[in-house]
Amino acid sequence: MDIHSQGIRSKETCSAAANAIRDALYVLGGKWKLPILMTLAGGPLRFRELQKALEEITPKVLSKELKELELNEFVTRTVHPTTPVTVEYSLTGYSDSLEKVLLALRDWGFTHRERMKASLKASKAHSALSKPALEEK
């Protein structure tokens, strides 16, 4: 990618772009936000259902992450007046705005993973070729 072709030339535009990327990473960062969003893509879930689906997440962390996702308008919390009270979490319409971003990250992730595998394979092949020469000395 040529950042110059994207209009990021001046210090101000570069700084604004870096801030926007930092904001996006802050909102989506962490171990659990994306798995929560992906799990909720299947439809609304109760807290315990979400926790069960995510297996390793603690209730405290799930609660914190859901509050942050709600604050950033990706998740909505609906309280149903039942006995006991039922609370469901679901994705908002705004969460659809992440689709292109997540698809781009997925594609980049696949490409990067393959690149790293190829690099590791080449490094191992190079080491294997160099090893006999070192043993002869």
Protein backbone atom coordinates (compact mmCIF):
# COMPACT_ATOMS: atom_id res chain seq x y z
CA MET A 1 0.00 0.00 0.00
CA ASP A 2 1.26 3.41 -0.91
CA ILE A 3 0.01 5.76 1.80
CA HIS A 4 0.84 8.70 -0.43
CA SER A 5 -1.77 7.57 -2.96
CA GLN A 6 -4.33 7.52 -0.14
CA GLY A 7 -3.95 11.26 0.51
CA ILE A 8 -1.79 10.82 3.62
CA ARG A 9 0.97 13.26 2.83
CA SER A 10 1.12 16.05 5.36
CA LYS A 11 1.95 15.73 9.02
CA GLU A 12 -1.65 16.68 9.85
CA THR A 13 -3.29 14.09 7.60
CA CYS A 14 -0.82 11.43 8.72
CA SER A 15 -1.56 12.26 12.35
CA ALA A 16 -5.33 12.23 11.76
CA ALA A 17 -5.06 8.84 9.99
CA ALA A 18 -2.95 7.41 12.82
CA ASN A 19 -5.48 8.67 15.38
CA ALA A 20 -8.38 7.12 13.44
CA ILE A 21 -6.58 3.76 13.24
CA ARG A 22 -5.69 3.96 16.93
CA ASP A 23 -9.37 4.61 17.76
CA ALA A 24 -10.48 1.62 15.67
CA LEU A 25 -7.93 -0.67 17.31
CA TYR A 26 -8.93 0.58 20.75
CA VAL A 27 -12.63 -0.09 20.11
CA LEU A 28 -12.04 -3.57 18.64
CA GLY A 29 -8.86 -4.52 20.47
CA GLY A 30 -8.39 -7.16 23.08
CA LYS A 31 -8.84 -10.88 23.18
CA TRP A 32 -12.63 -11.02 23.45
CA LYS A 33 -14.37 -8.24 21.52
CA LEU A 34 -14.23 -9.87 18.10
CA PRO A 35 -15.21 -13.33 19.40
CA ILE A 36 -18.18 -11.75 21.21
CA LEU A 37 -19.27 -9.95 18.04
CA MET A 38 -18.85 -13.09 15.94
CA THR A 39 -20.86 -15.13 18.46
CA LEU A 40 -23.67 -12.58 18.53
CA ALA A 41 -23.76 -12.63 14.71
CA GLY A 42 -25.77 -15.84 15.11
CA GLY A 43 -28.54 -13.94 16.91
CA PRO A 44 -29.39 -12.59 20.36
CA LEU A 45 -28.03 -14.48 23.37
CA ARG A 46 -28.38 -14.31 27.11
CA PHE A 47 -25.33 -13.61 29.24
CA ARG A 48 -24.86 -17.26 30.28
CA GLU A 49 -25.35 -18.47 26.72
CA LEU A 50 -22.64 -16.09 25.57
CA GLN A 51 -20.34 -17.18 28.37
CA LYS A 52 -20.92 -20.83 27.53
CA ALA A 53 -20.26 -20.22 23.82
CA LEU A 54 -16.99 -18.42 24.59
CA GLU A 55 -15.92 -21.08 27.14
CA GLU A 56 -12.76 -19.51 28.62
CA ILE A 57 -14.11 -16.02 29.31
CA THR A 58 -14.83 -15.10 32.92
CA PRO A 59 -18.13 -13.43 33.86
CA LYS A 60 -16.28 -10.29 34.96
CA VAL A 61 -14.43 -9.94 31.65
CA LEU A 62 -17.55 -10.73 29.60
CA SER A 63 -19.51 -8.10 31.49
CA LYS A 64 -16.76 -5.49 30.96
CA GLU A 65 -16.43 -6.27 27.23
CA LEU A 66 -20.21 -6.19 26.70
CA LYS A 67 -20.42 -2.80 28.42
CA GLU A 68 -17.67 -1.43 26.16
CA LEU A 69 -19.32 -2.87 23.04
CA GLU A 70 -22.63 -1.36 24.17
CA LEU A 71 -20.97 2.01 24.81
CA ASN A 72 -19.56 1.94 21.28
CA GLU A 73 -23.01 1.04 19.91
CA PHE A 74 -22.09 -2.38 18.50
CA VAL A 75 -24.21 -4.34 21.00
CA THR A 76 -27.58 -3.66 22.55
CA ARG A 77 -28.71 -4.96 25.93
CA THR A 78 -32.42 -5.76 26.22
CA VAL A 79 -34.01 -6.42 29.60
CA HIS A 80 -37.19 -8.52 29.46
CA PRO A 81 -39.54 -8.09 32.45
CA THR A 82 -39.78 -11.75 33.34
CA THR A 83 -39.27 -13.54 36.64
CA PRO A 84 -36.36 -13.80 36.95
CA VAL A 85 -35.37 -10.90 34.72
CA THR A 86 -34.02 -12.01 31.34
CA VAL A 87 -31.29 -9.98 29.66
CA GLU A 88 -30.37 -10.53 26.03
CA TYR A 89 -27.50 -9.11 24.03
CA SER A 90 -27.66 -8.59 20.29
CA LEU A 91 -25.80 -6.78 17.55
CA THR A 92 -26.97 -3.34 16.49
CA GLY A 93 -27.40 -2.15 12.93
CA TYR A 94 -24.25 -0.11 13.43
CA SER A 95 -22.24 -3.30 13.94
CA ASP A 96 -22.86 -4.04 10.23
CA SER A 97 -20.41 -1.20 9.50
CA LEU A 98 -17.64 -3.54 10.67
CA GLU A 99 -18.25 -6.10 7.93
CA LYS A 100 -15.81 -4.69 5.35
CA VAL A 101 -13.22 -4.01 8.04
CA LEU A 102 -13.42 -7.56 9.41
CA LEU A 103 -13.34 -9.11 5.94
CA ALA A 104 -10.26 -7.05 5.08
CA LEU A 105 -8.59 -8.10 8.36
CA ARG A 106 -9.48 -11.74 7.67
CA ASP A 107 -8.03 -11.60 4.17
CA TRP A 108 -4.88 -9.86 5.38
CA GLY A 109 -4.57 -12.39 8.21
CA PHE A 110 -4.75 -15.34 5.80
CA THR A 111 -2.15 -13.73 3.53
CA HIS A 112 0.14 -12.88 6.42
CA ARG A 113 -0.11 -16.36 7.91
CA GLU A 114 0.81 -17.94 4.56
CA ARG A 115 3.72 -15.51 4.17
CA MET A 116 5.04 -16.40 7.62
CA LYS A 117 4.69 -20.13 6.91
CA ALA A 118 6.62 -19.72 3.65
CA SER A 119 9.28 -17.63 5.39
CA LEU A 120 9.69 -20.22 8.14
CA LYS A 121 9.87 -23.01 5.58
CA ALA A 122 12.51 -21.11 3.59
CA SER A 123 14.46 -20.39 6.76
CA LYS A 124 14.43 -24.07 7.74
CA ALA A 125 15.49 -25.09 4.23
CA HIS A 126 18.33 -22.55 4.31
CA SER A 127 19.44 -23.83 7.74
CA ALA A 128 19.38 -27.43 6.49
CA LEU A 129 21.54 -26.50 3.51
CA SER A 130 24.01 -24.56 5.64
CA LYS A 131 24.32 -27.16 8.39
CA PRO A 132 26.48 -29.72 6.52
CA ALA A 133 28.91 -26.98 5.51
CA LEU A 134 29.28 -25.98 9.17
CA GLU A 135 29.79 -29.58 10.28
CA GLU A 136 32.63 -30.10 7.78
CA LYS A 137 34.71 -27.35 9.41
